[in-house]
Amino acid sequence: MAEGEPEDDGSGKRPWADWIVTLTTLIAPTTFIGALLLYFGVAYTDALYEHFGIDAATLGFSTQDYALRSASALYMPAGTALTVALAGVLIYYAARALGSRNTRLPAGRRLSPYALSVCGLVLFALGLLGGLEVWDAGAMDTPLLLGGGLVLIVYGRVLALRLAGTPYPVARERIALALVAALVGLCSFWAVHAYAKQHGDDDARYLARNLWLRPAVTVDTAERFYFPPRQVRETVLPVAGPPQRFRYRYEGLRLLAEANGRMFLIPDNWAEKGGNVLVVPANNAVRVAFRSD
């Protein structure tokens, strides 16, 4: 064995093999979660600023910015999913306890899992018809109906077997169960993406009605800006005294966003139709003053 080469422990594996497996186990979920946060953050941010006529790509937010912005869009879906999962687990353990007693159950309890599966089948059919635009389904309706229907179908099957004292999954259903899990994951991803966009649009509408929540900005410039009438207050600065570069002052603006050395300013009385958003550089080309209301 060459000097400095790591020794074999006799199992046929190098000592660093376990480290690679451990790191892969830790990094893979982290990378996946980071990718989800980024994707949902982009969906939320794009919907938020699209309401004001701004393409989120022009803002140039960083990956960290998008990930942080995704948090508000994930609280409700994550909390709802965990609550439903907790209820499902409690019902499952109750069914397992009943099944282990080997006692004959009333007809209503024996048939309830099958009724649950039938309800799931109906929901899945409604989601499928919504996806085919047979009826006017909302952005979240189709994925929720499809995913929820599949979960109820499988869950009813699980409860029926547990009440009978039979373990699940049975061998012949493993492939089908894996496909159902993949479809439910896809529907969950689809639904959360739709929720993130809807949440961003709702936040944008709320902000548009309450622009006083954003910092007030006064901008002095060397050249005149042109806004629609009565959107901002323009003051021509006096030229008497020491010479100065700034000739015009604009008030009645709010800071909508700041990114990559640019400020996106919006008038106090911005309107969804015909409203403008001003982009100015955050450098010595303008003089900016912030104030609190």
C-alpha atoms as a PDB file:
ATOM      1  CA  MET A   1       0.000   0.000   0.000  1.00  0.00           C
ATOM      2  CA  ALA A   2       1.350   3.396  -0.956  1.00  0.00           C
ATOM      3  CA  GLU A   3       2.246   5.794   1.813  1.00  0.00           C
ATOM      4  CA  GLY A   4      -0.555   8.247   2.603  1.00  0.00           C
ATOM      5  CA  GLU A   5      -3.254   6.082   0.944  1.00  0.00           C
ATOM      6  CA  PRO A   6      -6.289   5.572   3.233  1.00  0.00           C
ATOM      7  CA  GLU A   7      -6.480   2.128   4.733  1.00  0.00           C
ATOM      8  CA  ASP A   8      -9.236  -0.364   4.000  1.00  0.00           C
ATOM      9  CA  ASP A   9     -11.242  -1.337   7.073  1.00  0.00           C
ATOM     10  CA  GLY A  10     -11.739  -4.905   5.781  1.00  0.00           C
ATOM     11  CA  SER A  11     -15.321  -4.362   4.597  1.00  0.00           C
ATOM     12  CA  GLY A  12     -14.304  -3.508   1.053  1.00  0.00           C
ATOM     13  CA  LYS A  13     -15.249   0.167   1.493  1.00  0.00           C
ATOM     14  CA  ARG A  14     -12.964   3.115   1.761  1.00  0.00           C
ATOM     15  CA  PRO A  15     -13.220   5.095   5.027  1.00  0.00           C
ATOM     16  CA  TRP A  16     -14.527   8.096   3.129  1.00  0.00           C
ATOM     17  CA  ALA A  17     -17.399   6.118   1.567  1.00  0.00           C
ATOM     18  CA  ASP A  18     -19.637   6.591   4.624  1.00  0.00           C
ATOM     19  CA  TRP A  19     -18.912  10.315   4.599  1.00  0.00           C
ATOM     20  CA  ILE A  20     -20.043  10.578   0.972  1.00  0.00           C
ATOM     21  CA  VAL A  21     -23.286   8.756   1.738  1.00  0.00           C
ATOM     22  CA  THR A  22     -23.913  10.965   4.768  1.00  0.00           C
ATOM     23  CA  LEU A  23     -23.254  14.184   2.870  1.00  0.00           C
ATOM     24  CA  THR A  24     -25.473  13.073  -0.005  1.00  0.00           C
ATOM     25  CA  THR A  25     -28.276  12.303   2.439  1.00  0.00           C
ATOM     26  CA  LEU A  26     -27.991  15.756   4.001  1.00  0.00           C
ATOM     27  CA  ILE A  27     -27.401  17.815   0.864  1.00  0.00           C
ATOM     28  CA  ALA A  28     -30.059  16.312  -1.406  1.00  0.00           C
ATOM     29  CA  PRO A  29     -33.104  17.280   0.744  1.00  0.00           C
ATOM     30  CA  THR A  30     -31.567  20.694   1.431  1.00  0.00           C
ATOM     31  CA  THR A  31     -31.040  21.322  -2.261  1.00  0.00           C
ATOM     32  CA  PHE A  32     -34.578  20.183  -3.072  1.00  0.00           C
ATOM     33  CA  ILE A  33     -36.130  22.408  -0.393  1.00  0.00           C
ATOM     34  CA  GLY A  34     -33.988  25.346  -1.528  1.00  0.00           C
ATOM     35  CA  ALA A  35     -35.166  24.826  -5.112  1.00  0.00           C
ATOM     36  CA  LEU A  36     -38.797  24.772  -3.957  1.00  0.00           C
ATOM     37  CA  LEU A  37     -38.348  27.974  -1.948  1.00  0.00           C
ATOM     38  CA  LEU A  38     -36.754  29.653  -4.949  1.00  0.00           C
ATOM     39  CA  TYR A  39     -39.491  28.530  -7.339  1.00  0.00           C
ATOM     40  CA  PHE A  40     -42.382  29.557  -5.098  1.00  0.00           C
ATOM     41  CA  GLY A  41     -40.605  32.827  -4.264  1.00  0.00           C
ATOM     42  CA  VAL A  42     -40.333  33.640  -7.961  1.00  0.00           C
ATOM     43  CA  ALA A  43     -44.045  32.817  -8.457  1.00  0.00           C
ATOM     44  CA  TYR A  44     -45.070  35.038  -5.523  1.00  0.00           C
ATOM     45  CA  THR A  45     -42.790  37.941  -6.494  1.00  0.00           C
ATOM     46  CA  ASP A  46     -43.783  37.813 -10.158  1.00  0.00           C
ATOM     47  CA  ALA A  47     -47.497  37.992  -9.277  1.00  0.00           C
ATOM     48  CA  LEU A  48     -46.903  40.785  -6.745  1.00  0.00           C
ATOM     49  CA  TYR A  49     -45.063  43.154  -9.078  1.00  0.00           C
ATOM     50  CA  GLU A  50     -46.989  42.162 -12.202  1.00  0.00           C
ATOM     51  CA  HIS A  51     -49.979  43.937 -10.653  1.00  0.00           C
ATOM     52  CA  PHE A  52     -47.982  47.180 -10.877  1.00  0.00           C
ATOM     53  CA  GLY A  53     -46.872  46.486 -14.449  1.00  0.00           C
ATOM     54  CA  ILE A  54     -43.350  45.347 -13.534  1.00  0.00           C
ATOM     55  CA  ASP A  55     -41.750  42.149 -14.747  1.00  0.00           C
ATOM     56  CA  ALA A  56     -40.020  40.577 -11.739  1.00  0.00           C
ATOM     57  CA  ALA A  57     -37.022  39.768 -13.955  1.00  0.00           C
ATOM     58  CA  THR A  58     -36.284  43.501 -14.303  1.00  0.00           C
ATOM     59  CA  LEU A  59     -35.919  43.811 -10.522  1.00  0.00           C
ATOM     60  CA  GLY A  60     -32.957  41.445 -10.464  1.00  0.00           C
ATOM     61  CA  PHE A  61     -33.593  40.030  -6.990  1.00  0.00           C
ATOM     62  CA  SER A  62     -31.055  37.530  -5.682  1.00  0.00           C
ATOM     63  CA  THR A  63     -31.765  33.874  -4.992  1.00  0.00           C
ATOM     64  CA  GLN A  64     -31.838  34.638  -1.261  1.00  0.00           C
ATOM     65  CA  ASP A  65     -34.394  37.419  -1.824  1.00  0.00           C
ATOM     66  CA  TYR A  66     -36.711  35.049  -3.687  1.00  0.00           C
ATOM     67  CA  ALA A  67     -36.324  32.324  -1.052  1.00  0.00           C
ATOM     68  CA  LEU A  68     -37.170  34.756   1.762  1.00  0.00           C
ATOM     69  CA  ARG A  69     -40.196  36.072  -0.122  1.00  0.00           C
ATOM     70  CA  SER A  70     -41.559  32.539  -0.505  1.00  0.00           C
ATOM     71  CA  ALA A  71     -42.055  32.138   3.258  1.00  0.00           C
ATOM     72  CA  SER A  72     -45.352  34.031   3.446  1.00  0.00           C
ATOM     73  CA  ALA A  73     -46.723  31.987   0.554  1.00  0.00           C
ATOM     74  CA  LEU A  74     -45.881  28.658   2.211  1.00  0.00           C
ATOM     75  CA  TYR A  75     -47.219  29.123   5.753  1.00  0.00           C
ATOM     76  CA  MET A  76     -50.842  28.324   4.911  1.00  0.00           C
ATOM     77  CA  PRO A  77     -50.217  25.349   2.554  1.00  0.00           C
ATOM     78  CA  ALA A  78     -47.650  23.808   4.904  1.00  0.00           C
ATOM     79  CA  GLY A  79     -49.828  24.302   7.984  1.00  0.00           C
ATOM     80  CA  THR A  80     -52.904  22.879   6.250  1.00  0.00           C
ATOM     81  CA  ALA A  81     -50.996  19.843   4.937  1.00  0.00           C
ATOM     82  CA  LEU A  82     -49.513  19.085   8.370  1.00  0.00           C
ATOM     83  CA  THR A  83     -52.911  19.413  10.069  1.00  0.00           C
ATOM     84  CA  VAL A  84     -54.567  17.060   7.568  1.00  0.00           C
ATOM     85  CA  ALA A  85     -51.662  14.620   7.907  1.00  0.00           C
ATOM     86  CA  LEU A  86     -51.990  14.664  11.712  1.00  0.00           C
ATOM     87  CA  ALA A  87     -55.721  13.921  11.495  1.00  0.00           C
ATOM     88  CA  GLY A  88     -55.043  11.106   9.024  1.00  0.00           C
ATOM     89  CA  VAL A  89     -52.420   9.532  11.264  1.00  0.00           C
ATOM     90  CA  LEU A  90     -54.729   9.609  14.296  1.00  0.00           C
ATOM     91  CA  ILE A  91     -57.554   7.983  12.325  1.00  0.00           C
ATOM     92  CA  TYR A  92     -55.131   5.378  10.961  1.00  0.00           C
ATOM     93  CA  TYR A  93     -53.941   4.351  14.427  1.00  0.00           C
ATOM     94  CA  ALA A  94     -57.535   4.190  15.649  1.00  0.00           C
ATOM     95  CA  ALA A  95     -58.407   1.873  12.740  1.00  0.00           C
ATOM     96  CA  ARG A  96     -55.353  -0.284  13.443  1.00  0.00           C
ATOM     97  CA  ALA A  97     -56.353  -0.597  17.084  1.00  0.00           C
ATOM     98  CA  LEU A  98     -59.868  -1.671  16.116  1.00  0.00           C
ATOM     99  CA  GLY A  99     -58.542  -4.155  13.561  1.00  0.00           C
ATOM    100  CA  SER A 100     -56.213  -5.785  16.092  1.00  0.00           C
ATOM    101  CA  ARG A 101     -59.119  -6.675  18.394  1.00  0.00           C
ATOM    102  CA  ASN A 102     -60.551  -9.150  15.867  1.00  0.00           C
ATOM    103  CA  THR A 103     -64.066  -8.121  16.786  1.00  0.00           C
ATOM    104  CA  ARG A 104     -66.922  -7.779  14.345  1.00  0.00           C
ATOM    105  CA  LEU A 105     -67.523  -4.096  13.630  1.00  0.00           C
ATOM    106  CA  PRO A 106     -70.899  -2.481  12.899  1.00  0.00           C
ATOM    107  CA  ALA A 107     -71.781  -2.259   9.202  1.00  0.00           C
ATOM    108  CA  GLY A 108     -71.376   1.524   9.218  1.00  0.00           C
ATOM    109  CA  ARG A 109     -67.764   1.349  10.378  1.00  0.00           C
ATOM    110  CA  ARG A 110     -66.920  -1.421   7.955  1.00  0.00           C
ATOM    111  CA  LEU A 111     -68.362   0.480   4.995  1.00  0.00           C
ATOM    112  CA  SER A 112     -67.024   3.950   5.882  1.00  0.00           C
ATOM    113  CA  PRO A 113     -63.565   3.352   4.325  1.00  0.00           C
ATOM    114  CA  TYR A 114     -65.209   2.346   1.047  1.00  0.00           C
ATOM    115  CA  ALA A 115     -67.399   5.459   1.172  1.00  0.00           C
ATOM    116  CA  LEU A 116     -64.218   7.477   1.646  1.00  0.00           C
ATOM    117  CA  SER A 117     -62.693   5.914  -1.465  1.00  0.00           C
ATOM    118  CA  VAL A 118     -65.860   6.581  -3.459  1.00  0.00           C
ATOM    119  CA  CYS A 119     -65.728  10.247  -2.393  1.00  0.00           C
ATOM    120  CA  GLY A 120     -62.109  10.351  -3.492  1.00  0.00           C
ATOM    121  CA  LEU A 121     -63.050   8.883  -6.864  1.00  0.00           C
ATOM    122  CA  VAL A 122     -65.724  11.567  -7.325  1.00  0.00           C
ATOM    123  CA  LEU A 123     -63.254  14.332  -6.418  1.00  0.00           C
ATOM    124  CA  PHE A 124     -60.655  12.913  -8.804  1.00  0.00           C
ATOM    125  CA  ALA A 125     -63.240  12.815 -11.617  1.00  0.00           C
ATOM    126  CA  LEU A 126     -64.212  16.441 -10.913  1.00  0.00           C
ATOM    127  CA  GLY A 127     -60.571  17.475 -10.984  1.00  0.00           C
ATOM    128  CA  LEU A 128     -60.026  15.640 -14.252  1.00  0.00           C
ATOM    129  CA  LEU A 129     -63.050  17.326 -15.822  1.00  0.00           C
ATOM    130  CA  GLY A 130     -61.826  20.685 -14.500  1.00  0.00           C
ATOM    131  CA  GLY A 131     -58.421  20.116 -16.062  1.00  0.00           C
ATOM    132  CA  LEU A 132     -60.137  19.332 -19.376  1.00  0.00           C
ATOM    133  CA  GLU A 133     -62.104  22.609 -18.976  1.00  0.00           C
ATOM    134  CA  VAL A 134     -65.458  20.839 -18.891  1.00  0.00           C
ATOM    135  CA  TRP A 135     -66.307  23.157 -16.002  1.00  0.00           C
ATOM    136  CA  ASP A 136     -64.740  26.436 -14.912  1.00  0.00           C
ATOM    137  CA  ALA A 137     -62.180  25.304 -12.345  1.00  0.00           C
ATOM    138  CA  GLY A 138     -60.022  27.806 -10.476  1.00  0.00           C
ATOM    139  CA  ALA A 139     -56.245  27.766 -10.518  1.00  0.00           C
ATOM    140  CA  MET A 140     -56.071  25.670  -7.340  1.00  0.00           C
ATOM    141  CA  ASP A 141     -59.242  23.632  -7.848  1.00  0.00           C
ATOM    142  CA  THR A 142     -57.883  21.130 -10.368  1.00  0.00           C
ATOM    143  CA  PRO A 143     -54.692  20.111  -8.511  1.00  0.00           C
ATOM    144  CA  LEU A 144     -56.469  20.001  -5.133  1.00  0.00           C
ATOM    145  CA  LEU A 145     -59.287  17.837  -6.466  1.00  0.00           C
ATOM    146  CA  LEU A 146     -56.925  15.493  -8.301  1.00  0.00           C
ATOM    147  CA  GLY A 147     -54.451  15.128  -5.435  1.00  0.00           C
ATOM    148  CA  GLY A 148     -57.090  15.070  -2.701  1.00  0.00           C
ATOM    149  CA  GLY A 149     -59.135  12.497  -4.597  1.00  0.00           C
ATOM    150  CA  LEU A 150     -56.160  10.175  -4.985  1.00  0.00           C
ATOM    151  CA  VAL A 151     -55.284  10.518  -1.292  1.00  0.00           C
ATOM    152  CA  LEU A 152     -58.851   9.652  -0.244  1.00  0.00           C
ATOM    153  CA  ILE A 153     -58.964   6.626  -2.563  1.00  0.00           C
ATOM    154  CA  VAL A 154     -55.745   5.196  -1.144  1.00  0.00           C
ATOM    155  CA  TYR A 155     -56.585   6.213   2.422  1.00  0.00           C
ATOM    156  CA  GLY A 156     -59.944   4.482   2.246  1.00  0.00           C
ATOM    157  CA  ARG A 157     -58.175   1.364   0.986  1.00  0.00           C
ATOM    158  CA  VAL A 158     -55.656   1.542   3.848  1.00  0.00           C
ATOM    159  CA  LEU A 159     -58.384   1.960   6.488  1.00  0.00           C
ATOM    160  CA  ALA A 160     -60.392  -0.945   5.057  1.00  0.00           C
ATOM    161  CA  LEU A 161     -57.384  -3.261   5.302  1.00  0.00           C
ATOM    162  CA  ARG A 162     -56.397  -2.049   8.774  1.00  0.00           C
ATOM    163  CA  LEU A 163     -59.925  -2.591  10.083  1.00  0.00           C
ATOM    164  CA  ALA A 164     -59.655  -6.135   8.717  1.00  0.00           C
ATOM    165  CA  GLY A 165     -56.308  -6.560  10.472  1.00  0.00           C
ATOM    166  CA  THR A 166     -54.341  -6.752   7.189  1.00  0.00           C
ATOM    167  CA  PRO A 167     -51.115  -4.716   6.735  1.00  0.00           C
ATOM    168  CA  TYR A 168     -50.696  -2.250   3.860  1.00  0.00           C
ATOM    169  CA  PRO A 169     -49.347  -1.994   1.216  1.00  0.00           C
ATOM    170  CA  VAL A 170     -49.848  -5.444  -0.169  1.00  0.00           C
ATOM    171  CA  ALA A 171     -47.155  -6.600  -2.592  1.00  0.00           C
ATOM    172  CA  ARG A 172     -49.240  -6.336  -5.757  1.00  0.00           C
ATOM    173  CA  GLU A 173     -50.106  -2.681  -5.085  1.00  0.00           C
ATOM    174  CA  ARG A 174     -46.644  -1.262  -4.451  1.00  0.00           C
ATOM    175  CA  ILE A 175     -46.098   0.011  -7.983  1.00  0.00           C
ATOM    176  CA  ALA A 176     -49.545   1.606  -8.087  1.00  0.00           C
ATOM    177  CA  LEU A 177     -48.894   3.202  -4.696  1.00  0.00           C
ATOM    178  CA  ALA A 178     -45.593   4.657  -5.951  1.00  0.00           C
ATOM    179  CA  LEU A 179     -47.350   6.148  -8.988  1.00  0.00           C
ATOM    180  CA  VAL A 180     -50.078   7.617  -6.778  1.00  0.00           C
ATOM    181  CA  ALA A 181     -47.435   9.159  -4.504  1.00  0.00           C
ATOM    182  CA  ALA A 182     -45.747  10.745  -7.538  1.00  0.00           C
ATOM    183  CA  LEU A 183     -49.065  12.140  -8.804  1.00  0.00           C
ATOM    184  CA  VAL A 184     -49.974  13.504  -5.374  1.00  0.00           C
ATOM    185  CA  GLY A 185     -46.550  15.165  -5.137  1.00  0.00           C
ATOM    186  CA  LEU A 186     -47.040  16.730  -8.569  1.00  0.00           C
ATOM    187  CA  CYS A 187     -50.515  17.982  -7.641  1.00  0.00           C
ATOM    188  CA  SER A 188     -49.183  19.410  -4.373  1.00  0.00           C
ATOM    189  CA  PHE A 189     -46.451  21.270  -6.234  1.00  0.00           C
ATOM    190  CA  TRP A 190     -49.028  22.541  -8.731  1.00  0.00           C
ATOM    191  CA  ALA A 191     -51.449  23.688  -6.029  1.00  0.00           C
ATOM    192  CA  VAL A 192     -48.805  25.492  -3.946  1.00  0.00           C
ATOM    193  CA  HIS A 193     -47.508  27.269  -7.065  1.00  0.00           C
ATOM    194  CA  ALA A 194     -51.050  28.455  -7.851  1.00  0.00           C
ATOM    195  CA  TYR A 195     -51.491  29.547  -4.224  1.00  0.00           C
ATOM    196  CA  ALA A 196     -48.184  31.470  -4.284  1.00  0.00           C
ATOM    197  CA  LYS A 197     -49.295  33.390  -7.378  1.00  0.00           C
ATOM    198  CA  GLN A 198     -52.731  34.079  -5.900  1.00  0.00           C
ATOM    199  CA  HIS A 199     -51.172  35.178  -2.608  1.00  0.00           C
ATOM    200  CA  GLY A 200     -48.831  37.528  -4.459  1.00  0.00           C
ATOM    201  CA  ASP A 201     -51.715  39.070  -6.405  1.00  0.00           C
ATOM    202  CA  ASP A 202     -53.771  39.479  -3.203  1.00  0.00           C
ATOM    203  CA  ASP A 203     -50.847  41.179  -1.446  1.00  0.00           C
ATOM    204  CA  ALA A 204     -50.376  43.476  -4.445  1.00  0.00           C
ATOM    205  CA  ARG A 205     -54.033  44.539  -4.389  1.00  0.00           C
ATOM    206  CA  TYR A 206     -53.840  45.195  -0.666  1.00  0.00           C
ATOM    207  CA  LEU A 207     -50.666  47.237  -1.108  1.00  0.00           C
ATOM    208  CA  ALA A 208     -52.206  49.237  -3.964  1.00  0.00           C
ATOM    209  CA  ARG A 209     -55.050  50.243  -1.635  1.00  0.00           C
ATOM    210  CA  ASN A 210     -52.655  51.077   1.219  1.00  0.00           C
ATOM    211  CA  LEU A 211     -49.588  52.656  -0.370  1.00  0.00           C
ATOM    212  CA  TRP A 212     -49.041  54.640   2.823  1.00  0.00           C
ATOM    213  CA  LEU A 213     -47.430  51.438   4.155  1.00  0.00           C
ATOM    214  CA  ARG A 214     -44.443  52.074   1.879  1.00  0.00           C
ATOM    215  CA  PRO A 215     -41.814  54.763   2.696  1.00  0.00           C
ATOM    216  CA  ALA A 216     -42.549  58.244   1.343  1.00  0.00           C
ATOM    217  CA  VAL A 217     -39.878  59.558  -1.021  1.00  0.00           C
ATOM    218  CA  THR A 218     -38.890  63.035  -2.221  1.00  0.00           C
ATOM    219  CA  VAL A 219     -36.708  63.123  -5.333  1.00  0.00           C
ATOM    220  CA  ASP A 220     -34.628  66.051  -6.598  1.00  0.00           C
ATOM    221  CA  THR A 221     -33.469  65.820 -10.205  1.00  0.00           C
ATOM    222  CA  ALA A 222     -31.526  67.858 -12.738  1.00  0.00           C
ATOM    223  CA  GLU A 223     -34.056  67.091 -15.493  1.00  0.00           C
ATOM    224  CA  ARG A 224     -37.808  67.200 -15.520  1.00  0.00           C
ATOM    225  CA  PHE A 225     -39.874  64.047 -15.111  1.00  0.00           C
ATOM    226  CA  TYR A 226     -43.192  63.722 -16.875  1.00  0.00           C
ATOM    227  CA  PHE A 227     -46.081  62.124 -15.007  1.00  0.00           C
ATOM    228  CA  PRO A 228     -49.804  62.064 -15.807  1.00  0.00           C
ATOM    229  CA  PRO A 229     -51.618  65.098 -14.356  1.00  0.00           C
ATOM    230  CA  ARG A 230     -52.090  65.219 -10.586  1.00  0.00           C
ATOM    231  CA  GLN A 231     -50.057  62.076  -9.868  1.00  0.00           C
ATOM    232  CA  VAL A 232     -47.093  63.815  -8.193  1.00  0.00           C
ATOM    233  CA  ARG A 233     -46.262  67.303  -6.955  1.00  0.00           C
ATOM    234  CA  GLU A 234     -43.533  69.048  -8.953  1.00  0.00           C
ATOM    235  CA  THR A 235     -41.642  72.028  -7.563  1.00  0.00           C
ATOM    236  CA  VAL A 236     -39.114  74.064  -9.532  1.00  0.00           C
ATOM    237  CA  LEU A 237     -36.230  74.730  -7.179  1.00  0.00           C
ATOM    238  CA  PRO A 238     -34.926  78.322  -6.968  1.00  0.00           C
ATOM    239  CA  VAL A 239     -31.734  79.106  -8.852  1.00  0.00           C
ATOM    240  CA  ALA A 240     -30.697  81.957  -6.591  1.00  0.00           C
ATOM    241  CA  GLY A 241     -27.713  81.432  -4.319  1.00  0.00           C
ATOM    242  CA  PRO A 242     -24.927  78.874  -4.836  1.00  0.00           C
ATOM    243  CA  PRO A 243     -25.220  76.951  -8.136  1.00  0.00           C
ATOM    244  CA  GLN A 244     -26.735  73.495  -7.840  1.00  0.00           C
ATOM    245  CA  ARG A 245     -27.370  70.630 -10.215  1.00  0.00           C
ATOM    246  CA  PHE A 246     -30.855  69.787  -9.024  1.00  0.00           C
ATOM    247  CA  ARG A 247     -33.610  71.935 -10.537  1.00  0.00           C
ATOM    248  CA  TYR A 248     -36.808  69.958  -9.883  1.00  0.00           C
ATOM    249  CA  ARG A 249     -38.341  68.359  -6.804  1.00  0.00           C
ATOM    250  CA  TYR A 250     -40.976  65.617  -6.902  1.00  0.00           C
ATOM    251  CA  GLU A 251     -43.138  64.682  -3.936  1.00  0.00           C
ATOM    252  CA  GLY A 252     -46.024  62.246  -3.499  1.00  0.00           C
ATOM    253  CA  LEU A 253     -43.964  59.166  -4.321  1.00  0.00           C
ATOM    254  CA  ARG A 254     -43.550  55.865  -2.491  1.00  0.00           C
ATOM    255  CA  LEU A 255     -40.714  53.366  -2.601  1.00  0.00           C
ATOM    256  CA  LEU A 256     -42.132  50.192  -4.130  1.00  0.00           C
ATOM    257  CA  ALA A 257     -38.847  48.280  -4.335  1.00  0.00           C
ATOM    258  CA  GLU A 258     -35.084  48.780  -4.389  1.00  0.00           C
ATOM    259  CA  ALA A 259     -32.742  46.339  -6.098  1.00  0.00           C
ATOM    260  CA  ASN A 260     -29.433  46.392  -7.933  1.00  0.00           C
ATOM    261  CA  GLY A 261     -28.838  50.098  -7.455  1.00  0.00           C
ATOM    262  CA  ARG A 262     -32.281  51.122  -8.718  1.00  0.00           C
ATOM    263  CA  MET A 263     -35.353  52.457  -6.943  1.00  0.00           C
ATOM    264  CA  PHE A 264     -38.864  51.716  -8.190  1.00  0.00           C
ATOM    265  CA  LEU A 265     -41.077  54.638  -7.172  1.00  0.00           C
ATOM    266  CA  ILE A 266     -44.853  54.710  -7.353  1.00  0.00           C
ATOM    267  CA  PRO A 267     -47.204  57.717  -6.963  1.00  0.00           C
ATOM    268  CA  ASP A 268     -49.419  57.983  -3.884  1.00  0.00           C
ATOM    269  CA  ASN A 269     -52.542  57.952  -6.056  1.00  0.00           C
ATOM    270  CA  TRP A 270     -51.387  55.198  -8.406  1.00  0.00           C
ATOM    271  CA  ALA A 271     -54.197  53.653 -10.444  1.00  0.00           C
ATOM    272  CA  GLU A 272     -54.200  50.136 -11.868  1.00  0.00           C
ATOM    273  CA  LYS A 273     -55.105  51.546 -15.269  1.00  0.00           C
ATOM    274  CA  GLY A 274     -52.777  54.302 -16.418  1.00  0.00           C
ATOM    275  CA  GLY A 275     -50.591  54.294 -13.308  1.00  0.00           C
ATOM    276  CA  ASN A 276     -46.840  54.691 -13.770  1.00  0.00           C
ATOM    277  CA  VAL A 277     -43.865  53.317 -11.864  1.00  0.00           C
ATOM    278  CA  LEU A 278     -40.709  55.428 -12.040  1.00  0.00           C
ATOM    279  CA  VAL A 279     -37.291  53.757 -12.076  1.00  0.00           C
ATOM    280  CA  VAL A 280     -34.429  55.967 -10.889  1.00  0.00           C
ATOM    281  CA  PRO A 281     -30.796  55.090 -10.150  1.00  0.00           C
ATOM    282  CA  ALA A 282     -29.768  55.016  -6.509  1.00  0.00           C
ATOM    283  CA  ASN A 283     -26.673  57.170  -7.101  1.00  0.00           C
ATOM    284  CA  ASN A 284     -25.663  60.825  -7.272  1.00  0.00           C
ATOM    285  CA  ALA A 285     -27.735  61.390 -10.419  1.00  0.00           C
ATOM    286  CA  VAL A 286     -30.673  62.139  -8.118  1.00  0.00           C
ATOM    287  CA  ARG A 287     -31.093  63.332  -4.553  1.00  0.00           C
ATOM    288  CA  VAL A 288     -33.498  61.256  -2.493  1.00  0.00           C
ATOM    289  CA  ALA A 289     -35.039  61.953   0.898  1.00  0.00           C
ATOM    290  CA  PHE A 290     -37.150  59.467   2.828  1.00  0.00           C
ATOM    291  CA  ARG A 291     -39.712  60.468   5.417  1.00  0.00           C
ATOM    292  CA  SER A 292     -42.246  58.755   7.656  1.00  0.00           C
ATOM    293  CA  ASP A 293     -45.915  59.679   7.615  1.00  0.00           C
END
